[in-house]
Amino acid sequence: MKRSVIILFLVVLLGACGKKTEPKPPHAVRPKPPSKVNVKLHFWGAEISFKIPKRKVDGNPLDGLKGFRILRHGESLTGPKKTYEEEIFVSLSQEMFENLSWYHFNDRGLRPGMRYYYEIRAVRGWRSVSDPARSPSFAWYTPPAAPKNLTAKGWDGYVFLNWLPVTSFMDGRAAPSHLFRYRIYRFEPPKLRKPLPVLVPEHSFFDYDVRNGRLYCYQVAAVLDYYGSLIEGPLSNKACARPEDLTPPAAPQGLTAIPFRGGVLLRWRRNGEPDLLGYKVYRKKPGEAPVLLTPQPIKEPKYFDRPPGPGFYYYFVTAVDDSPRHNESPPSEMSSVEIPGTKEEN
């Protein structure tokens, strides 16, 4: 009886072990294909980026990859129809597999006049290769040359850019300038440059999306629209400018001068500019130059002055903004007052 129980237990145990080690079909242990494949064009060629698969088709984690097979498909856009295929293998180290989420491959072997797309397979082993992931297609042509003599000039609230029109491709062949538009890159050092959202058809540009007092730097690239693909040439030289507030406040209004307790009380209406720093007050005797009474602008629209003696005096006020230039407004209308002398003086 005991012997029969032992034999039955071994049979059950061996059967259970067989289920745990049952091999999976080959397709289930292949890597998943790369995902989120994208292509970005540069003047030197195409940058292909994609997300590295980290799991097998069955959902279990991958322990590594040997690399990627990248098949470039090309088809001529002009003349007799021709097609090309070229396979490129790029290896992936274990360290790269463990630390990277994305892979970037630079393809510098493109031919002008072609339309391309890529098929990318993840390779785990000789017989363990993923299904292909396909990239968007794009057309390719020789990029335009770099713009020259970029200049930048800062004004009040904007920067004006100007450069020479591009009239050739990178290989030196002449091209009509109307073929190209321009992409403008802007940055505030030490930040990285970013493209402005529009392509410019002319070889000049007014940038109004700036703030006075900040330093802005620019570079420009010519762009060719070739069968719907935007092919961008090399960048121009760098040019920088700082827009400045050149607009003064309005002249203060409603100035009155009233003799008051041995002096003169001045009042006027408050200016409404948001960048107002304050006011300067001037006093003037007939036939003499004005005297500035407030070297440091005052905040409130009032001032009490004690003139140096009896006589006839004129007063006027200006407004000053808080820009680095401290732009000063035109003078207000003058207000006059007479300070009488004492009885002994009369």
Protein backbone atom coordinates (compact mmCIF):
# COMPACT_ATOMS: atom_id res chain seq x y z
CA MET A 1 0.00 0.00 0.00
CA LYS A 2 2.77 2.42 0.94
CA ARG A 3 4.62 1.60 -2.27
CA SER A 4 1.55 2.45 -4.39
CA VAL A 5 1.16 5.83 -2.65
CA ILE A 6 4.82 6.72 -3.27
CA ILE A 7 4.57 5.84 -6.97
CA LEU A 8 1.37 7.92 -7.35
CA PHE A 9 3.07 10.92 -5.66
CA LEU A 10 6.06 10.74 -8.04
CA VAL A 11 3.79 10.57 -11.07
CA VAL A 12 1.88 13.68 -9.95
CA LEU A 13 5.12 15.52 -9.14
CA LEU A 14 6.73 14.70 -12.48
CA GLY A 15 3.59 15.78 -14.32
CA ALA A 16 3.53 19.13 -12.53
CA CYS A 17 7.21 19.72 -13.31
CA GLY A 18 6.56 19.06 -16.97
CA LYS A 19 3.95 21.83 -17.10
CA LYS A 20 6.33 24.39 -15.61
CA THR A 21 9.07 23.77 -18.16
CA GLU A 22 6.84 23.47 -21.22
CA PRO A 23 8.59 25.49 -23.97
CA LYS A 24 6.80 28.45 -25.49
CA PRO A 25 6.44 28.91 -29.27
CA PRO A 26 9.35 30.89 -30.80
CA HIS A 27 7.21 33.91 -31.70
CA ALA A 28 6.19 34.42 -28.06
CA VAL A 29 9.75 35.01 -26.83
CA ARG A 30 10.70 37.44 -29.62
CA PRO A 31 11.10 41.11 -28.70
CA LYS A 32 8.23 43.46 -29.26
CA PRO A 33 8.94 45.84 -32.15
CA PRO A 34 10.32 49.33 -31.49
CA SER A 35 7.62 51.97 -30.97
CA LYS A 36 7.06 55.70 -31.57
CA VAL A 37 9.36 55.81 -34.59
CA ASN A 38 10.04 59.37 -35.73
CA VAL A 39 12.22 61.06 -38.37
CA LYS A 40 13.73 64.54 -38.04
CA LEU A 41 15.54 66.07 -41.00
CA HIS A 42 18.83 67.98 -40.64
CA PHE A 43 21.12 69.52 -43.25
CA TRP A 44 23.37 66.47 -42.99
CA GLY A 45 20.60 63.85 -43.32
CA ALA A 46 17.90 62.15 -41.22
CA GLU A 47 17.77 61.44 -37.48
CA ILE A 48 15.66 58.36 -36.71
CA SER A 49 14.47 57.97 -33.14
CA PHE A 50 12.40 55.20 -31.57
CA LYS A 51 11.57 53.72 -28.21
CA ILE A 52 13.61 50.63 -27.29
CA PRO A 53 11.39 47.59 -26.54
CA LYS A 54 11.85 46.19 -23.04
CA ARG A 55 9.48 43.22 -23.23
CA LYS A 56 8.90 40.08 -25.26
CA VAL A 57 5.78 39.39 -27.28
CA ASP A 58 4.46 37.26 -24.38
CA GLY A 59 4.75 40.28 -22.05
CA ASN A 60 7.73 39.05 -20.04
CA PRO A 61 10.74 41.37 -19.61
CA LEU A 62 13.61 41.23 -22.08
CA ASP A 63 17.04 40.51 -20.65
CA GLY A 64 18.80 42.41 -23.46
CA LEU A 65 19.10 43.05 -27.20
CA LYS A 66 21.90 42.55 -29.70
CA GLY A 67 20.85 45.62 -31.67
CA PHE A 68 18.56 46.78 -34.48
CA ARG A 69 18.20 46.00 -38.17
CA ILE A 70 17.32 49.20 -40.00
CA LEU A 71 16.13 48.73 -43.56
CA ARG A 72 16.11 51.93 -45.61
CA HIS A 73 13.62 51.95 -48.49
CA GLY A 74 14.14 54.54 -51.26
CA GLU A 75 12.15 55.45 -54.37
CA SER A 76 13.07 58.04 -56.99
CA LEU A 77 10.77 61.05 -57.29
CA THR A 78 11.84 62.26 -60.73
CA GLY A 79 12.80 60.50 -63.95
CA PRO A 80 12.48 56.73 -64.39
CA LYS A 81 11.13 55.06 -61.27
CA LYS A 82 13.86 53.32 -59.29
CA THR A 83 13.76 51.68 -55.88
CA TYR A 84 16.57 50.98 -53.45
CA GLU A 85 16.91 49.00 -50.25
CA GLU A 86 19.82 49.03 -47.87
CA GLU A 87 20.11 47.26 -44.52
CA ILE A 88 22.08 48.74 -41.66
CA PHE A 89 22.74 46.92 -38.37
CA VAL A 90 23.44 48.93 -35.24
CA SER A 91 24.54 47.13 -32.10
CA LEU A 92 23.24 47.78 -28.59
CA SER A 93 25.40 47.04 -25.56
CA GLN A 94 23.93 45.63 -22.35
CA GLU A 95 24.69 48.92 -20.60
CA MET A 96 22.82 50.86 -23.28
CA PHE A 97 19.86 48.49 -23.07
CA GLU A 98 19.63 48.93 -19.31
CA ASN A 99 20.06 52.72 -19.25
CA LEU A 100 18.41 54.02 -22.43
CA SER A 101 14.72 54.34 -23.25
CA TRP A 102 15.20 55.82 -26.75
CA TYR A 103 17.63 55.10 -29.55
CA HIS A 104 18.77 57.73 -32.06
CA PHE A 105 20.35 56.81 -35.38
CA ASN A 106 21.82 59.39 -37.79
CA ASP A 107 21.55 58.48 -41.47
CA ARG A 108 23.99 60.52 -43.58
CA GLY A 109 23.71 58.36 -46.71
CA LEU A 110 20.63 59.92 -48.34
CA ARG A 111 20.47 60.70 -52.07
CA PRO A 112 18.75 63.81 -53.49
CA GLY A 113 15.53 63.28 -55.43
CA MET A 114 14.35 60.31 -53.36
CA ARG A 115 11.49 59.47 -51.02
CA TYR A 116 12.45 57.30 -48.04
CA TYR A 117 11.03 55.34 -45.15
CA TYR A 118 12.60 52.92 -42.63
CA GLU A 119 11.67 49.52 -41.25
CA ILE A 120 13.26 48.78 -37.88
CA ARG A 121 13.48 45.36 -36.18
CA ALA A 122 14.77 44.64 -32.68
CA VAL A 123 17.26 41.74 -32.65
CA ARG A 124 17.61 39.53 -29.57
CA GLY A 125 19.35 36.61 -31.27
CA TRP A 126 19.82 34.81 -34.57
CA ARG A 127 16.23 33.54 -34.69
CA SER A 128 14.71 36.02 -32.26
CA VAL A 129 13.84 39.11 -34.27
CA SER A 130 10.84 41.40 -33.80
CA ASP A 131 8.24 42.37 -36.36
CA PRO A 132 9.14 45.57 -38.24
CA ALA A 133 8.22 49.06 -37.05
CA ARG A 134 7.81 51.54 -39.89
CA SER A 135 8.80 55.20 -39.89
CA PRO A 136 6.95 58.08 -41.56
CA SER A 137 8.10 58.65 -45.14
CA PHE A 138 9.91 61.79 -46.30
CA ALA A 139 11.46 63.30 -49.41
CA TRP A 140 15.09 64.37 -49.58
CA TYR A 141 17.05 66.92 -51.60
CA THR A 142 20.29 68.87 -51.27
CA PRO A 143 19.68 71.44 -48.48
CA PRO A 144 19.99 75.19 -49.04
CA ALA A 145 23.18 77.01 -48.10
CA ALA A 146 23.49 78.92 -44.82
CA PRO A 147 22.24 82.54 -44.71
CA LYS A 148 25.01 85.13 -44.36
CA ASN A 149 25.45 88.49 -42.64
CA LEU A 150 22.65 88.18 -40.09
CA THR A 151 22.26 91.42 -38.09
CA ALA A 152 19.96 92.24 -35.17
CA LYS A 153 18.96 95.71 -33.97
CA GLY A 154 17.00 96.37 -30.80
CA TRP A 155 14.30 99.03 -30.75
CA ASP A 156 11.47 99.94 -28.41
CA GLY A 157 9.39 96.75 -28.04
CA TYR A 158 10.89 94.80 -30.93
CA VAL A 159 14.06 93.50 -32.59
CA PHE A 160 14.67 93.91 -36.31
CA LEU A 161 16.56 91.10 -38.11
CA ASN A 162 18.08 91.26 -41.57
CA TRP A 163 20.27 88.88 -43.62
CA LEU A 164 21.33 88.23 -47.20
CA PRO A 165 18.93 86.07 -49.24
CA VAL A 166 20.11 82.51 -49.93
CA THR A 167 20.71 81.90 -53.65
CA SER A 168 22.39 78.49 -53.70
CA PHE A 169 22.29 74.93 -52.37
CA MET A 170 24.91 73.48 -50.03
CA ASP A 171 26.76 71.90 -52.97
CA GLY A 172 27.22 75.34 -54.56
CA ARG A 173 24.61 75.05 -57.30
CA ALA A 174 22.71 78.28 -57.91
CA ALA A 175 19.06 78.47 -56.90
CA PRO A 176 16.41 81.20 -57.19
CA SER A 177 15.90 82.85 -53.81
CA HIS A 178 12.11 82.46 -53.97
CA LEU A 179 12.53 78.68 -53.48
CA PHE A 180 13.44 79.19 -49.84
CA ARG A 181 11.75 80.30 -46.68
CA TYR A 182 13.53 80.93 -43.38
CA ARG A 183 13.32 79.48 -39.89
CA ILE A 184 14.39 81.82 -37.10
CA TYR A 185 15.91 80.51 -33.88
CA ARG A 186 15.89 82.71 -30.78
CA PHE A 187 17.40 82.26 -27.33
CA GLU A 188 18.26 84.24 -24.22
CA PRO A 189 21.77 83.24 -23.12
CA PRO A 190 22.49 80.80 -21.56
CA LYS A 191 19.23 79.11 -22.58
CA LEU A 192 19.04 76.80 -25.61
CA ARG A 193 17.79 78.16 -28.92
CA LYS A 194 14.23 77.42 -30.00
CA PRO A 195 12.59 77.96 -33.40
CA LEU A 196 9.92 80.61 -33.79
CA PRO A 197 6.59 79.05 -34.85
CA VAL A 198 6.41 80.53 -38.37
CA LEU A 199 8.52 80.25 -41.52
CA VAL A 200 9.46 83.67 -42.91
CA PRO A 201 9.22 84.26 -46.69
CA GLU A 202 11.46 87.37 -46.71
CA HIS A 203 15.07 87.90 -45.63
CA SER A 204 14.10 90.26 -42.78
CA PHE A 205 11.91 89.95 -39.69
CA PHE A 206 10.41 92.11 -36.94
CA ASP A 207 10.30 90.20 -33.65
CA TYR A 208 7.66 91.81 -31.42
CA ASP A 209 7.50 88.92 -28.95
CA VAL A 210 10.24 90.40 -26.75
CA ARG A 211 10.59 92.40 -23.53
CA ASN A 212 12.59 95.57 -23.26
CA GLY A 213 15.87 95.27 -21.38
CA ARG A 214 16.46 91.57 -22.15
CA LEU A 215 19.22 90.27 -24.41
CA TYR A 216 18.03 88.14 -27.35
CA CYS A 217 20.25 86.17 -29.73
CA TYR A 218 19.24 84.79 -33.11
CA GLN A 219 20.29 82.40 -35.87
CA VAL A 220 18.53 81.76 -39.18
CA ALA A 221 18.33 78.75 -41.52
CA ALA A 222 16.93 78.55 -45.05
CA VAL A 223 14.23 75.91 -45.62
CA LEU A 224 13.30 74.09 -48.85
CA ASP A 225 9.83 72.58 -49.19
CA TYR A 226 10.49 69.48 -51.33
CA TYR A 227 7.47 67.27 -52.05
CA GLY A 228 6.01 68.21 -48.68
CA SER A 229 9.21 67.66 -46.66
CA LEU A 230 10.87 70.70 -45.07
CA ILE A 231 14.63 70.41 -45.63
CA GLU A 232 16.56 72.86 -43.52
CA GLY A 233 20.06 74.12 -44.30
CA PRO A 234 22.87 75.06 -41.89
CA LEU A 235 22.50 77.93 -39.44
CA SER A 236 23.70 81.46 -40.08
CA ASN A 237 26.04 83.42 -37.85
CA LYS A 238 24.71 84.51 -34.44
CA ALA A 239 23.43 88.06 -33.89
CA CYS A 240 22.24 89.55 -30.58
CA ALA A 241 20.29 92.66 -29.61
CA ARG A 242 18.65 94.18 -26.55
CA PRO A 243 15.37 96.06 -27.14
CA GLU A 244 15.06 99.22 -25.04
CA ASP A 245 12.22 101.36 -23.79
CA LEU A 246 12.61 104.57 -25.80
CA THR A 247 9.12 105.95 -25.18
CA PRO A 248 8.86 108.61 -22.46
CA PRO A 249 5.76 109.04 -20.28
CA ALA A 250 3.19 111.68 -21.13
CA ALA A 251 3.71 115.18 -19.77
CA PRO A 252 2.03 115.66 -16.38
CA GLN A 253 -1.23 117.58 -16.45
CA GLY A 254 -3.01 120.09 -14.18
CA LEU A 255 -0.01 121.68 -12.46
CA THR A 256 -0.93 124.45 -10.00
CA ALA A 257 1.42 126.57 -7.86
CA ILE A 258 -0.01 128.22 -4.72
CA PRO A 259 1.80 130.43 -2.17
CA PHE A 260 1.58 128.59 1.12
CA ARG A 261 3.21 129.25 4.52
CA GLY A 262 6.28 131.03 3.24
CA GLY A 263 6.76 128.75 0.25
CA VAL A 264 5.02 127.34 -2.80
CA LEU A 265 2.79 124.27 -2.82
CA LEU A 266 2.74 122.40 -6.14
CA ARG A 267 0.12 119.83 -7.12
CA TRP A 268 -0.70 118.01 -10.39
CA ARG A 269 -2.62 115.01 -11.63
CA ARG A 270 -1.06 111.55 -11.31
CA ASN A 271 0.26 109.91 -14.50
CA GLY A 272 -1.17 106.50 -15.44
CA GLU A 273 1.83 104.72 -17.01
CA PRO A 274 2.56 101.32 -15.37
CA ASP A 275 6.33 101.84 -15.70
CA LEU A 276 6.33 105.28 -14.05
CA LEU A 277 9.28 105.87 -11.74
CA GLY A 278 8.33 109.34 -10.52
CA TYR A 279 8.43 113.09 -11.22
CA LYS A 280 11.05 115.81 -11.56
CA VAL A 281 10.22 119.34 -10.45
CA TYR A 282 11.84 122.42 -12.00
CA ARG A 283 11.85 126.08 -10.89
CA LYS A 284 12.71 128.98 -13.16
CA LYS A 285 13.11 132.73 -12.73
CA PRO A 286 12.43 135.03 -15.71
CA GLY A 287 15.47 135.20 -17.99
CA GLU A 288 17.31 132.36 -16.18
CA ALA A 289 17.81 128.64 -16.82
CA PRO A 290 15.57 126.15 -15.00
CA VAL A 291 16.81 124.61 -11.75
CA LEU A 292 16.08 120.94 -11.00
CA LEU A 293 14.65 120.73 -7.48
CA THR A 294 14.37 116.89 -7.29
CA PRO A 295 17.51 115.10 -8.55
CA GLN A 296 15.84 111.87 -7.40
CA PRO A 297 12.35 111.58 -8.90
CA ILE A 298 9.58 111.87 -6.32
CA LYS A 299 6.72 109.38 -6.18
CA GLU A 300 3.75 111.58 -5.27
CA PRO A 301 2.23 114.31 -7.50
CA LYS A 302 2.90 117.11 -5.02
CA TYR A 303 5.87 119.16 -3.84
CA PHE A 304 6.57 122.02 -1.39
CA ASP A 305 9.26 124.52 -2.37
CA ARG A 306 10.86 127.35 -0.47
CA PRO A 307 12.19 129.80 -3.05
CA PRO A 308 15.45 131.64 -2.22
CA GLY A 309 13.72 135.01 -1.94
CA PRO A 310 10.84 137.16 -3.06
CA GLY A 311 10.14 137.47 -6.75
CA PHE A 312 8.32 135.94 -9.68
CA TYR A 313 8.82 132.19 -10.27
CA TYR A 314 7.78 129.64 -12.87
CA TYR A 315 7.40 125.93 -12.15
CA PHE A 316 7.03 122.90 -14.41
CA VAL A 317 7.09 119.12 -13.88
CA THR A 318 8.21 116.10 -15.94
CA ALA A 319 7.49 112.38 -15.55
CA VAL A 320 10.26 109.70 -15.63
CA ASP A 321 9.88 105.97 -16.36
CA ASP A 322 11.75 103.08 -14.73
CA SER A 323 13.62 101.93 -17.88
CA PRO A 324 17.44 101.82 -17.83
CA ARG A 325 17.38 105.04 -19.86
CA HIS A 326 14.98 106.78 -17.40
CA ASN A 327 13.07 108.33 -20.28
CA GLU A 328 11.79 111.77 -19.32
CA SER A 329 8.55 113.26 -20.58
CA PRO A 330 8.08 116.69 -22.14
CA PRO A 331 7.50 119.39 -19.53
CA SER A 332 4.07 120.12 -18.17
CA GLU A 333 2.51 123.51 -18.71
CA MET A 334 4.22 126.13 -16.56
CA SER A 335 2.54 127.52 -13.48
CA SER A 336 3.70 130.86 -12.10
CA VAL A 337 3.58 132.40 -8.65
CA GLU A 338 4.81 135.64 -7.07
CA ILE A 339 6.46 135.62 -3.67
CA PRO A 340 6.04 139.06 -2.11
CA GLY A 341 8.81 140.77 -0.15
CA THR A 342 8.58 141.82 3.50
CA LYS A 343 7.40 145.29 4.59
CA GLU A 344 10.99 146.34 5.30
CA GLU A 345 11.96 145.35 1.73
CA ASN A 346 9.06 147.36 0.33
